[in-house]
Amino acid sequence: MHVNSQLRATLLIAAGVRGVYAQQIAWGQCGGTVHTVHLSSYLQASPTAKPGTALLVDRSTAGQYQIVSGQLVELIAPNAFLCSKVKLPANSSVVKLSMSFNTTQNAFGTFAFSGDVVTWSVASVSRPNLSAWLVCGAQELWINLGNYAYLTPTECADETIHYFNGGTVD
């Protein structure tokens, strides 16, 4: 996996981080959002460091992340990675897309930073807010296809995912 020089900053996403292990560039944790009960929650795969569901939970098992070539990547061991995967919508009426981690790259959409916010976009899905996320049910992270804080599903909380580049996470 190649990382260009603009990705050398260590960033903690407060619900991704830029940089790759093989090139000795620092990885960082992904953390909770800036204004909700998920403030001290962090992005991770469940089960920890294995393919599975994307969660926003306690920092004790938080993963190390970065965005590389449109992929949101978790470092699980030296030169071993998991990629965030976005599930295609079942139909045009869905309001959220599930996100998981797998050993293969995501083929549906692109992750990026917009300032300090993590975004996801794809040409085939119209999103009024590219940085709108949801945490639903058992702390599962979803991509919100609607506006932030508007018609939010009842079992979910609206979130934005930010990086953090401070010395401590809380």
Protein backbone atom coordinates (compact mmCIF):
# COMPACT_ATOMS: atom_id res chain seq x y z
CA MET A 1 0.00 0.00 0.00
CA HIS A 2 1.55 3.35 -1.04
CA VAL A 3 1.19 6.48 1.07
CA ASN A 4 2.00 9.87 -0.41
CA SER A 5 3.78 12.58 1.56
CA GLN A 6 0.62 14.55 2.39
CA LEU A 7 -0.52 11.64 4.56
CA ARG A 8 2.38 11.83 7.01
CA ALA A 9 0.51 13.54 9.85
CA THR A 10 -0.52 11.44 12.81
CA LEU A 11 -4.22 11.97 13.29
CA LEU A 12 -6.64 10.54 15.76
CA ILE A 13 -10.13 10.50 14.36
CA ALA A 14 -12.52 11.54 17.08
CA ALA A 15 -15.10 8.79 15.46
CA GLY A 16 -9.11 8.05 11.35
CA VAL A 17 -5.70 8.57 11.03
CA ARG A 18 -3.32 9.18 8.20
CA GLY A 19 0.11 7.67 7.56
CA VAL A 20 1.52 3.38 6.72
CA TYR A 21 3.49 1.10 9.03
CA ALA A 22 5.81 -0.24 6.36
CA GLN A 23 6.99 3.31 5.59
CA GLN A 24 7.48 4.10 9.32
CA ILE A 25 4.67 6.65 9.24
CA ALA A 26 2.67 6.90 12.44
CA TRP A 27 -0.77 5.42 12.82
CA GLY A 28 -3.37 6.79 15.19
CA GLN A 29 -6.67 5.88 16.75
CA CYS A 30 -10.14 6.83 15.60
CA GLY A 31 -12.22 8.34 18.32
CA GLY A 32 -15.72 9.47 19.16
CA THR A 33 -17.47 12.62 18.11
CA VAL A 34 -17.20 16.07 19.61
CA HIS A 35 -20.66 16.53 21.10
CA THR A 36 -22.47 13.36 22.10
CA VAL A 37 -22.39 10.36 24.39
CA HIS A 38 -19.86 8.90 21.94
CA LEU A 39 -17.25 11.56 22.75
CA SER A 40 -14.96 8.97 24.35
CA SER A 41 -15.79 6.20 21.90
CA TYR A 42 -13.43 4.95 19.22
CA LEU A 43 -13.67 3.24 15.87
CA GLN A 44 -12.81 -0.46 15.80
CA ALA A 45 -13.61 -3.77 14.21
CA SER A 46 -15.57 -6.38 16.14
CA PRO A 47 -14.09 -8.86 16.79
CA THR A 48 -10.99 -6.78 17.58
CA ALA A 49 -8.42 -6.67 14.75
CA LYS A 50 -10.37 -9.20 12.68
CA PRO A 51 -12.87 -8.85 9.83
CA GLY A 52 -16.22 -7.84 11.26
CA THR A 53 -18.62 -5.06 12.14
CA ALA A 54 -17.51 -1.42 12.45
CA LEU A 55 -18.23 -0.16 15.97
CA LEU A 56 -17.82 3.08 17.86
CA VAL A 57 -17.05 1.91 21.42
CA ASP A 58 -14.66 2.11 24.39
CA ARG A 59 -11.08 3.13 23.63
CA SER A 60 -9.55 0.07 25.33
CA THR A 61 -9.68 -1.89 22.06
CA ALA A 62 -9.53 1.00 19.60
CA GLY A 63 -7.84 0.37 16.29
CA GLN A 64 -5.10 2.33 14.50
CA TYR A 65 -6.37 3.97 11.29
CA GLN A 66 -5.52 6.11 8.31
CA ILE A 67 -7.03 7.01 4.96
CA VAL A 68 -4.94 5.83 2.01
CA SER A 69 -6.03 6.20 -1.63
CA GLY A 70 -9.68 6.52 -0.63
CA GLN A 71 -9.57 3.53 1.72
CA LEU A 72 -10.16 3.77 5.49
CA VAL A 73 -7.53 1.30 6.71
CA GLU A 74 -6.89 -0.31 10.11
CA LEU A 75 -3.40 -1.52 11.03
CA ILE A 76 -3.79 -4.90 12.76
CA ALA A 77 -0.14 -6.07 12.73
CA PRO A 78 3.06 -4.99 10.98
CA ASN A 79 2.13 -4.92 7.29
CA ALA A 80 -1.33 -6.42 7.97
CA PHE A 81 -4.42 -4.33 7.37
CA LEU A 82 -8.21 -4.34 7.40
CA CYS A 83 -10.17 -2.08 5.06
CA SER A 84 -13.52 -0.50 5.79
CA LYS A 85 -16.19 -1.96 3.52
CA VAL A 86 -19.46 -0.22 2.68
CA LYS A 87 -22.44 -2.37 1.73
CA LEU A 88 -24.35 -1.39 -1.40
CA PRO A 89 -27.90 -0.16 -0.74
CA ALA A 90 -30.58 -2.83 -1.11
CA ASN A 91 -32.92 -0.31 -2.74
CA SER A 92 -33.44 3.43 -3.17
CA SER A 93 -35.42 3.80 0.06
CA VAL A 94 -32.63 2.90 2.51
CA VAL A 95 -31.55 5.67 4.88
CA LYS A 96 -28.23 4.18 6.04
CA LEU A 97 -25.47 1.89 4.75
CA SER A 98 -23.68 -0.66 6.88
CA MET A 99 -19.94 -0.53 7.34
CA SER A 100 -17.64 -3.41 8.22
CA PHE A 101 -13.96 -4.33 8.07
CA ASN A 102 -12.45 -6.93 5.75
CA THR A 103 -9.08 -7.98 4.33
CA THR A 104 -10.07 -6.79 0.84
CA GLN A 105 -10.35 -3.18 -0.27
CA ASN A 106 -13.63 -1.31 -0.40
CA ALA A 107 -15.03 -1.16 -3.94
CA PHE A 108 -18.05 1.04 -3.14
CA GLY A 109 -17.24 4.68 -2.53
CA THR A 110 -14.32 6.72 -1.27
CA PHE A 111 -13.27 7.79 2.22
CA ALA A 112 -11.59 11.18 2.59
CA PHE A 113 -10.82 13.97 5.02
CA SER A 114 -12.58 17.30 4.64
CA GLY A 115 -10.73 19.49 7.09
CA ASP A 116 -10.84 17.46 10.30
CA VAL A 117 -13.90 15.41 9.33
CA VAL A 118 -14.05 11.93 7.78
CA THR A 119 -16.34 11.73 4.75
CA TRP A 120 -17.60 8.98 2.48
CA SER A 121 -18.98 9.46 -1.02
CA VAL A 122 -19.86 7.60 -4.20
CA ALA A 123 -21.30 8.98 -7.44
CA SER A 124 -24.29 6.59 -7.44
CA VAL A 125 -25.61 7.69 -4.01
CA SER A 126 -26.81 11.20 -3.32
CA ARG A 127 -25.90 12.36 0.21
CA PRO A 128 -26.82 15.83 1.44
CA ASN A 129 -24.03 15.63 4.04
CA LEU A 130 -20.92 13.56 3.22
CA SER A 131 -19.82 13.65 6.87
CA ALA A 132 -23.08 12.37 8.42
CA TRP A 133 -22.74 9.07 10.31
CA LEU A 134 -25.01 7.07 12.60
CA VAL A 135 -24.32 4.89 15.61
CA CYS A 136 -27.15 2.39 15.97
CA GLY A 137 -28.12 -0.59 18.12
CA ALA A 138 -25.05 -2.24 19.64
CA GLN A 139 -22.78 0.75 18.83
CA GLU A 140 -22.61 -0.18 15.12
CA LEU A 141 -21.32 2.56 12.80
CA TRP A 142 -23.42 3.31 9.70
CA ILE A 143 -23.20 5.83 6.88
CA ASN A 144 -26.13 8.24 7.14
CA LEU A 145 -27.69 8.87 3.73
CA GLY A 146 -29.86 11.71 5.03
CA ASN A 147 -29.22 15.08 6.56
CA TYR A 148 -27.46 15.27 9.89
CA ALA A 149 -30.00 15.37 12.78
CA TYR A 150 -33.03 15.17 10.47
CA LEU A 151 -35.33 12.14 10.40
CA THR A 152 -32.73 10.11 12.32
CA PRO A 153 -33.84 6.48 12.79
CA THR A 154 -35.13 6.04 16.35
CA GLU A 155 -32.51 3.44 17.34
CA CYS A 156 -29.64 5.64 16.12
CA ALA A 157 -27.64 8.72 17.13
CA ASP A 158 -26.28 11.22 14.62
CA GLU A 159 -22.50 11.54 14.61
CA THR A 160 -19.65 13.19 12.81
CA ILE A 161 -16.20 11.60 12.82
CA HIS A 162 -13.22 13.85 13.48
CA TYR A 163 -9.49 13.41 13.73
CA PHE A 164 -7.54 14.37 16.79
CA ASN A 165 -3.83 15.09 16.83
CA GLY A 166 -3.26 15.77 20.54
CA GLY A 167 -1.01 13.92 22.95
CA THR A 168 -3.85 12.13 24.76
CA VAL A 169 -7.24 10.88 23.62
CA ASP A 170 -9.44 11.98 26.51
